[in-house]
Amino acid sequence: MANNIKKVSDVNGSKMNLGQIELAAIRGVEQGFTQLKMLDVKTQSDAATESLSKADAGKLIVIPNVGQDSVYSLPAPEVGIHFHIVGFGALAADGHDVSFHTNTLNTDYFHGAIVHHDTNQTNQTTSVVFGDGDSNDKIKLDIPQFLDIHFLGKSTTSWYVWGHTASDTVITIGD
């Protein structure tokens, strides 16, 4: 991918020779571009229960239009492990819920906040739902129309959580 640029125009239009430092910088940028990787995407199956694994961390995880209420369990939290989960439901809300649980209920917890947009309110209200970090181990989205949620390992017993959702019913983060 080496380029053959030896001269450039300055702000006045005059031609200038590139020095070794400038050429090295250009080559460094070119080499960096060859190292870019396509985003890994994992589409979850349409199952009633499914467990995410540490191997899924760092990927964009897509929740499909589920055909039943579905529960996705996170692995045991580790500092720095990250899950980014998106879902966009059906073309119309079809009566199926999506939930996220910690690996070990009553031992691992969610700490953070999710912004929820209520789509059936006349004024289209928005609210923030909080996880307290010391007892909340379940997140439930009733008939989600959209979700974009991040989980980041805070410790060996807690996940940071943030993102946003949209549906007719405000999500819950609880015990």
N, C-alpha and C. Protein backbone atom coordinates (compact mmCIF):
# COMPACT_ATOMS: atom_id res chain seq x y z
N MET A 1 0.82 -1.18 0.00
CA MET A 1 0.00 0.00 0.00
C MET A 1 0.87 1.25 0.00
N ALA A 2 2.14 1.09 -0.30
CA ALA A 2 3.04 2.25 -0.29
C ALA A 2 2.60 3.26 -1.33
N ASN A 3 2.68 4.53 -0.96
CA ASN A 3 2.30 5.57 -1.92
C ASN A 3 3.56 6.19 -2.49
N ASN A 4 3.39 6.91 -3.55
CA ASN A 4 4.51 7.54 -4.24
C ASN A 4 4.51 9.05 -4.06
N ILE A 5 3.83 9.56 -3.04
CA ILE A 5 3.77 11.00 -2.84
C ILE A 5 5.14 11.50 -2.38
N LYS A 6 5.67 12.46 -3.08
CA LYS A 6 6.96 13.06 -2.72
C LYS A 6 6.83 14.56 -2.48
N LYS A 7 5.78 15.15 -3.08
CA LYS A 7 5.56 16.59 -2.94
C LYS A 7 4.09 16.84 -2.62
N VAL A 8 3.85 17.91 -1.87
CA VAL A 8 2.49 18.35 -1.57
C VAL A 8 2.43 19.86 -1.77
N SER A 9 1.21 20.38 -1.83
CA SER A 9 1.03 21.83 -1.95
C SER A 9 0.84 22.42 -0.57
N ASP A 10 1.50 23.54 -0.31
CA ASP A 10 1.28 24.22 0.96
C ASP A 10 0.04 25.11 0.84
N VAL A 11 -0.27 25.88 1.87
CA VAL A 11 -1.48 26.70 1.88
C VAL A 11 -1.48 27.78 0.82
N ASN A 12 -0.32 28.12 0.31
CA ASN A 12 -0.23 29.13 -0.74
C ASN A 12 -0.20 28.53 -2.13
N GLY A 13 -0.23 27.20 -2.24
CA GLY A 13 -0.20 26.53 -3.53
C GLY A 13 1.19 26.17 -4.00
N SER A 14 2.20 26.55 -3.24
CA SER A 14 3.58 26.22 -3.63
C SER A 14 3.85 24.74 -3.34
N LYS A 15 4.66 24.12 -4.19
CA LYS A 15 5.03 22.71 -4.01
C LYS A 15 6.13 22.60 -2.96
N MET A 16 5.97 21.59 -2.10
CA MET A 16 6.96 21.34 -1.04
C MET A 16 7.35 19.87 -1.09
N ASN A 17 8.63 19.60 -0.90
CA ASN A 17 9.11 18.22 -0.81
C ASN A 17 8.79 17.66 0.57
N LEU A 18 8.38 16.39 0.60
CA LEU A 18 8.16 15.72 1.88
C LEU A 18 9.48 15.19 2.42
N GLY A 19 9.70 15.37 3.71
CA GLY A 19 10.89 14.84 4.35
C GLY A 19 10.66 13.41 4.83
N GLN A 20 11.68 12.82 5.40
CA GLN A 20 11.58 11.45 5.87
C GLN A 20 10.55 11.30 6.99
N ILE A 21 10.44 12.30 7.83
CA ILE A 21 9.47 12.22 8.93
C ILE A 21 8.04 12.18 8.38
N GLU A 22 7.76 13.03 7.41
CA GLU A 22 6.41 13.05 6.82
C GLU A 22 6.10 11.74 6.10
N LEU A 23 7.08 11.23 5.36
CA LEU A 23 6.90 9.96 4.65
C LEU A 23 6.67 8.82 5.65
N ALA A 24 7.41 8.81 6.75
CA ALA A 24 7.24 7.78 7.77
C ALA A 24 5.84 7.87 8.39
N ALA A 25 5.36 9.09 8.62
CA ALA A 25 4.02 9.27 9.19
C ALA A 25 2.95 8.73 8.25
N ILE A 26 3.08 9.03 6.96
CA ILE A 26 2.12 8.54 5.97
C ILE A 26 2.13 7.01 5.95
N ARG A 27 3.30 6.41 5.96
CA ARG A 27 3.40 4.94 5.93
C ARG A 27 2.81 4.34 7.21
N GLY A 28 3.00 5.00 8.33
CA GLY A 28 2.42 4.51 9.58
C GLY A 28 0.91 4.49 9.53
N VAL A 29 0.32 5.54 8.98
CA VAL A 29 -1.14 5.58 8.83
C VAL A 29 -1.60 4.47 7.89
N GLU A 30 -0.91 4.29 6.80
CA GLU A 30 -1.27 3.24 5.84
C GLU A 30 -1.22 1.86 6.50
N GLN A 31 -0.18 1.60 7.29
CA GLN A 31 -0.05 0.31 7.95
C GLN A 31 -1.16 0.13 8.99
N GLY A 32 -1.53 1.19 9.66
CA GLY A 32 -2.62 1.11 10.63
C GLY A 32 -3.93 0.72 9.97
N PHE A 33 -4.19 1.26 8.78
CA PHE A 33 -5.42 0.91 8.06
C PHE A 33 -5.47 -0.57 7.72
N THR A 34 -4.33 -1.17 7.44
CA THR A 34 -4.35 -2.60 7.11
C THR A 34 -4.63 -3.45 8.33
N GLN A 35 -4.52 -2.88 9.53
CA GLN A 35 -4.76 -3.62 10.76
C GLN A 35 -6.21 -3.53 11.24
N LEU A 36 -7.01 -2.68 10.62
CA LEU A 36 -8.41 -2.55 11.02
C LEU A 36 -9.13 -3.86 10.77
N LYS A 37 -10.03 -4.20 11.66
CA LYS A 37 -10.76 -5.46 11.56
C LYS A 37 -12.24 -5.16 11.46
N MET A 38 -12.93 -5.95 10.70
CA MET A 38 -14.38 -5.82 10.63
C MET A 38 -14.96 -6.16 12.00
N LEU A 39 -16.04 -5.54 12.37
CA LEU A 39 -16.70 -5.79 13.64
C LEU A 39 -17.25 -7.21 13.66
N ASP A 40 -16.91 -7.95 14.71
CA ASP A 40 -17.48 -9.28 14.88
C ASP A 40 -18.92 -9.13 15.34
N VAL A 41 -19.83 -9.84 14.67
CA VAL A 41 -21.24 -9.80 15.01
C VAL A 41 -21.71 -11.21 15.30
N LYS A 42 -22.43 -11.36 16.39
CA LYS A 42 -23.03 -12.65 16.72
C LYS A 42 -24.53 -12.46 16.85
N THR A 43 -25.28 -13.22 16.09
CA THR A 43 -26.74 -13.18 16.19
C THR A 43 -27.16 -14.34 17.07
N GLN A 44 -27.86 -14.01 18.15
CA GLN A 44 -28.34 -15.04 19.07
C GLN A 44 -29.44 -15.85 18.39
N SER A 45 -29.65 -17.06 18.87
CA SER A 45 -30.72 -17.89 18.33
C SER A 45 -32.05 -17.47 18.97
N ASP A 46 -33.12 -17.92 18.39
CA ASP A 46 -34.46 -17.64 18.91
C ASP A 46 -34.80 -18.76 19.89
N ALA A 47 -34.29 -18.61 21.12
CA ALA A 47 -34.49 -19.64 22.14
C ALA A 47 -35.08 -19.01 23.39
N ALA A 48 -35.72 -19.85 24.21
CA ALA A 48 -36.31 -19.35 25.45
C ALA A 48 -35.24 -18.97 26.47
N THR A 49 -34.13 -19.71 26.48
CA THR A 49 -33.01 -19.38 27.36
C THR A 49 -31.72 -19.54 26.57
N GLU A 50 -30.80 -18.64 26.83
CA GLU A 50 -29.51 -18.71 26.16
C GLU A 50 -28.47 -18.06 27.06
N SER A 51 -27.30 -18.66 27.09
CA SER A 51 -26.21 -18.13 27.90
C SER A 51 -25.16 -17.50 27.00
N LEU A 52 -24.73 -16.31 27.37
CA LEU A 52 -23.61 -15.67 26.69
C LEU A 52 -22.34 -16.19 27.34
N SER A 53 -21.27 -16.29 26.58
CA SER A 53 -20.01 -16.76 27.13
C SER A 53 -18.95 -15.67 27.03
N LYS A 54 -17.87 -15.88 27.73
CA LYS A 54 -16.76 -14.92 27.68
C LYS A 54 -16.26 -14.76 26.24
N ALA A 55 -16.38 -15.82 25.43
CA ALA A 55 -15.95 -15.76 24.02
C ALA A 55 -16.80 -14.78 23.21
N ASP A 56 -17.99 -14.44 23.70
CA ASP A 56 -18.87 -13.49 23.01
C ASP A 56 -18.50 -12.04 23.31
N ALA A 57 -17.67 -11.82 24.31
CA ALA A 57 -17.29 -10.46 24.70
C ALA A 57 -16.58 -9.76 23.55
N GLY A 58 -16.84 -8.47 23.41
CA GLY A 58 -16.22 -7.68 22.36
C GLY A 58 -16.94 -7.73 21.03
N LYS A 59 -17.93 -8.60 20.90
CA LYS A 59 -18.70 -8.70 19.67
C LYS A 59 -19.98 -7.87 19.81
N LEU A 60 -20.53 -7.49 18.69
CA LEU A 60 -21.87 -6.90 18.69
C LEU A 60 -22.83 -8.08 18.70
N ILE A 61 -23.67 -8.17 19.72
CA ILE A 61 -24.59 -9.28 19.86
C ILE A 61 -25.98 -8.81 19.48
N VAL A 62 -26.58 -9.47 18.50
CA VAL A 62 -27.89 -9.09 18.00
C VAL A 62 -28.93 -10.07 18.52
N ILE A 63 -29.94 -9.53 19.19
CA ILE A 63 -31.08 -10.33 19.65
C ILE A 63 -32.10 -10.33 18.51
N PRO A 64 -32.49 -11.50 18.02
CA PRO A 64 -33.44 -11.53 16.91
C PRO A 64 -34.87 -11.27 17.38
N ASN A 65 -35.77 -11.22 16.46
CA ASN A 65 -37.20 -11.18 16.79
C ASN A 65 -37.51 -12.52 17.45
N VAL A 66 -37.72 -12.52 18.76
CA VAL A 66 -37.93 -13.78 19.48
C VAL A 66 -39.38 -14.24 19.34
N GLY A 67 -39.55 -15.55 19.34
CA GLY A 67 -40.88 -16.14 19.19
C GLY A 67 -41.50 -16.53 20.51
N GLN A 68 -40.87 -16.18 21.61
CA GLN A 68 -41.35 -16.48 22.96
C GLN A 68 -40.62 -15.53 23.91
N ASP A 69 -41.02 -15.50 25.18
CA ASP A 69 -40.26 -14.75 26.16
C ASP A 69 -38.88 -15.40 26.25
N SER A 70 -37.81 -14.60 26.22
CA SER A 70 -36.46 -15.14 26.18
C SER A 70 -35.60 -14.53 27.28
N VAL A 71 -34.76 -15.37 27.90
CA VAL A 71 -33.85 -14.95 28.95
C VAL A 71 -32.43 -15.20 28.48
N TYR A 72 -31.59 -14.17 28.55
CA TYR A 72 -30.19 -14.26 28.19
C TYR A 72 -29.37 -14.09 29.46
N SER A 73 -28.55 -15.09 29.79
CA SER A 73 -27.73 -15.05 31.00
C SER A 73 -26.31 -14.63 30.65
N LEU A 74 -25.79 -13.70 31.43
CA LEU A 74 -24.41 -13.27 31.26
C LEU A 74 -23.48 -14.23 32.00
N PRO A 75 -22.23 -14.35 31.58
CA PRO A 75 -21.28 -15.17 32.34
C PRO A 75 -20.92 -14.46 33.64
N ALA A 76 -20.12 -15.12 34.46
CA ALA A 76 -19.64 -14.47 35.68
C ALA A 76 -18.89 -13.20 35.30
N PRO A 77 -19.13 -12.09 36.00
CA PRO A 77 -18.44 -10.85 35.62
C PRO A 77 -16.94 -10.92 35.90
N GLU A 78 -16.18 -10.27 35.03
CA GLU A 78 -14.74 -10.08 35.20
C GLU A 78 -14.46 -8.62 34.86
N VAL A 79 -13.55 -8.02 35.56
CA VAL A 79 -13.22 -6.61 35.31
C VAL A 79 -12.83 -6.43 33.85
N GLY A 80 -13.52 -5.50 33.17
CA GLY A 80 -13.18 -5.12 31.80
C GLY A 80 -13.86 -5.90 30.70
N ILE A 81 -14.50 -7.03 30.99
CA ILE A 81 -15.18 -7.79 29.93
C ILE A 81 -16.42 -7.00 29.50
N HIS A 82 -16.66 -6.91 28.18
CA HIS A 82 -17.70 -6.02 27.66
C HIS A 82 -18.62 -6.74 26.68
N PHE A 83 -19.93 -6.55 26.87
CA PHE A 83 -20.93 -7.05 25.94
C PHE A 83 -21.75 -5.87 25.44
N HIS A 84 -21.95 -5.79 24.14
CA HIS A 84 -22.80 -4.76 23.53
C HIS A 84 -23.92 -5.51 22.83
N ILE A 85 -25.13 -5.32 23.31
CA ILE A 85 -26.27 -6.10 22.83
C ILE A 85 -27.31 -5.16 22.23
N VAL A 86 -27.74 -5.49 21.02
CA VAL A 86 -28.77 -4.70 20.35
C VAL A 86 -29.92 -5.62 19.93
N GLY A 87 -31.08 -5.04 19.84
CA GLY A 87 -32.25 -5.78 19.36
C GLY A 87 -33.26 -4.78 18.83
N PHE A 88 -34.02 -5.22 17.89
CA PHE A 88 -34.97 -4.31 17.27
C PHE A 88 -36.32 -4.96 17.10
N GLY A 89 -36.58 -6.03 17.83
CA GLY A 89 -37.90 -6.65 17.88
C GLY A 89 -38.45 -7.01 16.52
N ALA A 90 -39.75 -7.07 16.47
CA ALA A 90 -40.44 -7.39 15.22
C ALA A 90 -40.80 -6.09 14.52
N LEU A 91 -41.41 -6.22 13.38
CA LEU A 91 -41.86 -5.01 12.69
C LEU A 91 -42.95 -4.32 13.51
N ALA A 92 -43.61 -5.08 14.36
CA ALA A 92 -44.56 -4.54 15.32
C ALA A 92 -44.37 -5.34 16.60
N ALA A 93 -44.55 -4.72 17.74
CA ALA A 93 -44.40 -5.42 19.01
C ALA A 93 -45.35 -6.62 19.02
N ASP A 94 -44.79 -7.80 19.33
CA ASP A 94 -45.58 -9.02 19.17
C ASP A 94 -45.83 -9.81 20.45
N GLY A 95 -45.66 -9.20 21.60
CA GLY A 95 -46.04 -9.86 22.85
C GLY A 95 -44.96 -10.69 23.51
N HIS A 96 -43.69 -10.59 23.08
CA HIS A 96 -42.64 -11.39 23.68
C HIS A 96 -41.64 -10.50 24.41
N ASP A 97 -41.24 -10.96 25.58
CA ASP A 97 -40.33 -10.20 26.42
C ASP A 97 -38.90 -10.71 26.26
N VAL A 98 -37.94 -9.84 26.61
CA VAL A 98 -36.52 -10.20 26.64
C VAL A 98 -35.99 -9.81 28.01
N SER A 99 -35.27 -10.75 28.63
CA SER A 99 -34.68 -10.49 29.95
C SER A 99 -33.20 -10.83 29.93
N PHE A 100 -32.46 -10.14 30.79
CA PHE A 100 -31.05 -10.42 31.02
C PHE A 100 -30.87 -10.74 32.49
N HIS A 101 -30.15 -11.82 32.78
CA HIS A 101 -29.89 -12.22 34.16
C HIS A 101 -28.39 -12.32 34.37
N THR A 102 -27.97 -12.09 35.61
CA THR A 102 -26.58 -12.34 35.94
C THR A 102 -26.35 -13.84 36.00
N ASN A 103 -25.09 -14.24 35.94
CA ASN A 103 -24.72 -15.65 35.96
C ASN A 103 -25.21 -16.35 37.23
N THR A 104 -24.99 -15.73 38.36
CA THR A 104 -25.38 -16.32 39.64
C THR A 104 -26.34 -15.35 40.32
N LEU A 105 -27.63 -15.69 40.26
CA LEU A 105 -28.64 -14.82 40.89
C LEU A 105 -28.36 -14.71 42.38
N ASN A 106 -28.63 -13.53 42.94
CA ASN A 106 -28.41 -13.21 44.35
C ASN A 106 -26.93 -13.17 44.73
N THR A 107 -26.03 -13.19 43.73
CA THR A 107 -24.59 -13.07 43.99
C THR A 107 -23.95 -12.04 43.08
N ASP A 108 -24.36 -12.00 41.80
CA ASP A 108 -23.85 -11.04 40.83
C ASP A 108 -24.94 -10.00 40.58
N TYR A 109 -24.52 -8.72 40.34
CA TYR A 109 -25.52 -7.66 40.27
C TYR A 109 -25.26 -6.68 39.12
N PHE A 110 -26.29 -5.87 38.81
CA PHE A 110 -26.20 -4.81 37.81
C PHE A 110 -26.10 -3.46 38.51
N HIS A 111 -25.19 -2.61 38.02
CA HIS A 111 -25.00 -1.28 38.58
C HIS A 111 -24.94 -0.29 37.43
N GLY A 112 -25.89 0.62 37.36
CA GLY A 112 -25.89 1.61 36.29
C GLY A 112 -27.28 2.07 35.97
N ALA A 113 -27.47 2.58 34.75
CA ALA A 113 -28.76 3.15 34.37
C ALA A 113 -29.02 2.92 32.89
N ILE A 114 -30.29 2.72 32.59
CA ILE A 114 -30.74 2.57 31.21
C ILE A 114 -31.83 3.60 30.96
N VAL A 115 -31.70 4.33 29.87
CA VAL A 115 -32.73 5.30 29.48
C VAL A 115 -33.80 4.55 28.70
N HIS A 116 -35.04 4.73 29.12
CA HIS A 116 -36.16 4.05 28.46
C HIS A 116 -37.12 5.07 27.85
N HIS A 117 -37.47 4.82 26.60
CA HIS A 117 -38.44 5.67 25.91
C HIS A 117 -39.75 4.90 25.81
N ASP A 118 -40.79 5.45 26.41
CA ASP A 118 -42.11 4.81 26.43
C ASP A 118 -42.86 5.22 25.17
N THR A 119 -43.11 4.27 24.28
CA THR A 119 -43.65 4.58 22.96
C THR A 119 -45.17 4.68 22.89
N ASN A 120 -45.87 4.31 23.96
CA ASN A 120 -47.33 4.40 23.86
C ASN A 120 -47.92 5.56 24.64
N GLN A 121 -47.10 6.43 25.19
CA GLN A 121 -47.58 7.61 25.90
C GLN A 121 -47.87 8.73 24.90
N THR A 122 -48.89 9.50 25.16
CA THR A 122 -49.23 10.61 24.28
C THR A 122 -48.04 11.56 24.12
N ASN A 123 -47.35 11.80 25.23
CA ASN A 123 -46.21 12.72 25.20
C ASN A 123 -44.88 12.00 24.95
N GLN A 124 -44.93 10.69 24.67
CA GLN A 124 -43.71 9.91 24.42
C GLN A 124 -42.69 10.13 25.53
N THR A 125 -43.02 9.73 26.74
CA THR A 125 -42.18 9.99 27.89
C THR A 125 -40.89 9.17 27.88
N THR A 126 -39.88 9.72 28.51
CA THR A 126 -38.60 9.05 28.66
C THR A 126 -38.26 9.02 30.14
N SER A 127 -37.71 7.89 30.61
CA SER A 127 -37.33 7.78 32.01
C SER A 127 -36.00 7.06 32.11
N VAL A 128 -35.38 7.17 33.27
CA VAL A 128 -34.11 6.50 33.54
C VAL A 128 -34.38 5.45 34.61
N VAL A 129 -33.95 4.21 34.34
CA VAL A 129 -34.15 3.11 35.27
C VAL A 129 -32.78 2.69 35.79
N PHE A 130 -32.65 2.57 37.11
CA PHE A 130 -31.36 2.33 37.75
C PHE A 130 -31.22 0.92 38.29
N GLY A 131 -29.99 0.38 38.20
CA GLY A 131 -29.60 -0.83 38.90
C GLY A 131 -28.72 -0.43 40.06
N ASP A 132 -29.01 -0.93 41.26
CA ASP A 132 -28.34 -0.44 42.47
C ASP A 132 -26.96 -1.03 42.74
N GLY A 133 -26.59 -2.10 42.05
CA GLY A 133 -25.26 -2.67 42.22
C GLY A 133 -25.11 -3.59 43.41
N ASP A 134 -26.17 -3.78 44.22
CA ASP A 134 -26.01 -4.69 45.36
C ASP A 134 -27.18 -5.66 45.56
N SER A 135 -28.19 -5.61 44.71
CA SER A 135 -29.25 -6.61 44.80
C SER A 135 -29.93 -6.85 43.46
N ASN A 136 -29.75 -5.96 42.50
CA ASN A 136 -30.45 -6.09 41.22
C ASN A 136 -29.71 -7.02 40.28
N ASP A 137 -30.35 -8.15 39.95
CA ASP A 137 -29.70 -9.15 39.11
C ASP A 137 -30.53 -9.57 37.90
N LYS A 138 -31.64 -8.84 37.63
CA LYS A 138 -32.49 -9.14 36.47
C LYS A 138 -32.91 -7.85 35.79
N ILE A 139 -32.86 -7.87 34.47
CA ILE A 139 -33.36 -6.74 33.67
C ILE A 139 -34.43 -7.33 32.77
N LYS A 140 -35.63 -6.72 32.79
CA LYS A 140 -36.73 -7.23 31.97
C LYS A 140 -37.26 -6.14 31.06
N LEU A 141 -37.35 -6.48 29.78
CA LEU A 141 -37.91 -5.58 28.77
C LEU A 141 -39.21 -6.21 28.28
N ASP A 142 -40.32 -5.60 28.61
CA ASP A 142 -41.62 -6.10 28.16
C ASP A 142 -41.86 -5.64 26.74
N ILE A 143 -42.00 -6.59 25.84
CA ILE A 143 -42.32 -6.35 24.44
C ILE A 143 -41.42 -5.24 23.85
N PRO A 144 -40.10 -5.48 23.86
CA PRO A 144 -39.19 -4.44 23.37
C PRO A 144 -39.36 -4.17 21.88
N GLN A 145 -39.31 -2.91 21.54
CA GLN A 145 -39.31 -2.51 20.14
C GLN A 145 -37.89 -2.20 19.68
N PHE A 146 -37.02 -1.87 20.66
CA PHE A 146 -35.63 -1.53 20.37
C PHE A 146 -34.84 -1.62 21.67
N LEU A 147 -33.59 -2.08 21.58
CA LEU A 147 -32.70 -2.04 22.74
C LEU A 147 -31.26 -1.90 22.26
N ASP A 148 -30.48 -1.19 23.02
CA ASP A 148 -29.05 -1.01 22.80
C ASP A 148 -28.43 -0.91 24.18
N ILE A 149 -27.92 -2.04 24.69
CA ILE A 149 -27.47 -2.13 26.08
C ILE A 149 -26.03 -2.61 26.13
N HIS A 150 -25.26 -2.02 27.04
CA HIS A 150 -23.88 -2.41 27.28
C HIS A 150 -23.75 -2.98 28.69
N PHE A 151 -22.95 -4.03 28.80
CA PHE A 151 -22.59 -4.60 30.09
C PHE A 151 -21.07 -4.61 30.15
N LEU A 152 -20.49 -4.07 31.24
CA LEU A 152 -19.05 -4.02 31.41
C LEU A 152 -18.71 -4.54 32.80
N GLY A 153 -17.83 -5.54 32.86
CA GLY A 153 -17.46 -6.10 34.15
C GLY A 153 -16.83 -5.05 35.05
N LYS A 154 -17.47 -4.81 36.19
CA LYS A 154 -16.99 -3.84 37.18
C LYS A 154 -16.07 -4.54 38.20
N SER A 155 -16.46 -5.75 38.58
CA SER A 155 -15.71 -6.55 39.56
C SER A 155 -16.07 -8.01 39.31
N THR A 156 -15.71 -8.88 40.20
CA THR A 156 -16.06 -10.29 40.03
C THR A 156 -17.48 -10.58 40.49
N THR A 157 -18.20 -9.56 40.96
CA THR A 157 -19.59 -9.76 41.39
C THR A 157 -20.55 -8.73 40.84
N SER A 158 -20.07 -7.85 39.94
CA SER A 158 -20.95 -6.76 39.51
C SER A 158 -20.66 -6.35 38.06
N TRP A 159 -21.76 -6.03 37.34
CA TRP A 159 -21.69 -5.53 35.97
C TRP A 159 -22.12 -4.07 35.95
N TYR A 160 -21.34 -3.21 35.29
CA TYR A 160 -21.87 -1.90 34.93
C TYR A 160 -22.87 -2.13 33.80
N VAL A 161 -23.94 -1.36 33.77
CA VAL A 161 -24.91 -1.46 32.70
C VAL A 161 -25.32 -0.05 32.28
N TRP A 162 -25.45 0.16 30.96
CA TRP A 162 -25.94 1.42 30.42
C TRP A 162 -26.50 1.18 29.04
N GLY A 163 -27.32 2.10 28.58
CA GLY A 163 -27.87 2.00 27.23
C GLY A 163 -29.23 2.64 27.15
N HIS A 164 -30.00 2.22 26.14
CA HIS A 164 -31.34 2.76 26.00
C HIS A 164 -32.25 1.72 25.35
N THR A 165 -33.53 1.85 25.65
CA THR A 165 -34.55 0.92 25.17
C THR A 165 -35.80 1.70 24.78
N ALA A 166 -36.67 1.03 24.03
CA ALA A 166 -37.97 1.62 23.68
C ALA A 166 -39.00 0.50 23.64
N SER A 167 -40.14 0.75 24.27
CA SER A 167 -41.28 -0.16 24.23
C SER A 167 -42.47 0.54 24.88
N ASP A 168 -43.59 -0.17 24.91
CA ASP A 168 -44.79 0.39 25.54
C ASP A 168 -44.70 0.41 27.06
N THR A 169 -43.86 -0.45 27.63
CA THR A 169 -43.76 -0.61 29.08
C THR A 169 -42.35 -0.30 29.53
N VAL A 170 -42.22 0.47 30.61
CA VAL A 170 -40.92 0.81 31.14
C VAL A 170 -40.21 -0.47 31.60
N ILE A 171 -38.92 -0.58 31.28
CA ILE A 171 -38.16 -1.76 31.69
C ILE A 171 -38.03 -1.78 33.21
N THR A 172 -37.66 -2.95 33.73
CA THR A 172 -37.38 -3.07 35.15
C THR A 172 -35.97 -3.62 35.34
N ILE A 173 -35.31 -3.12 36.36
CA ILE A 173 -34.04 -3.68 36.82
C ILE A 173 -34.29 -4.00 38.28
N GLY A 174 -34.30 -5.27 38.60
CA GLY A 174 -34.67 -5.64 39.97
C GLY A 174 -34.08 -6.96 40.41
N ASP A 175 -34.66 -7.46 41.51
CA ASP A 175 -34.18 -8.71 42.14
C ASP A 175 -34.93 -9.90 41.58
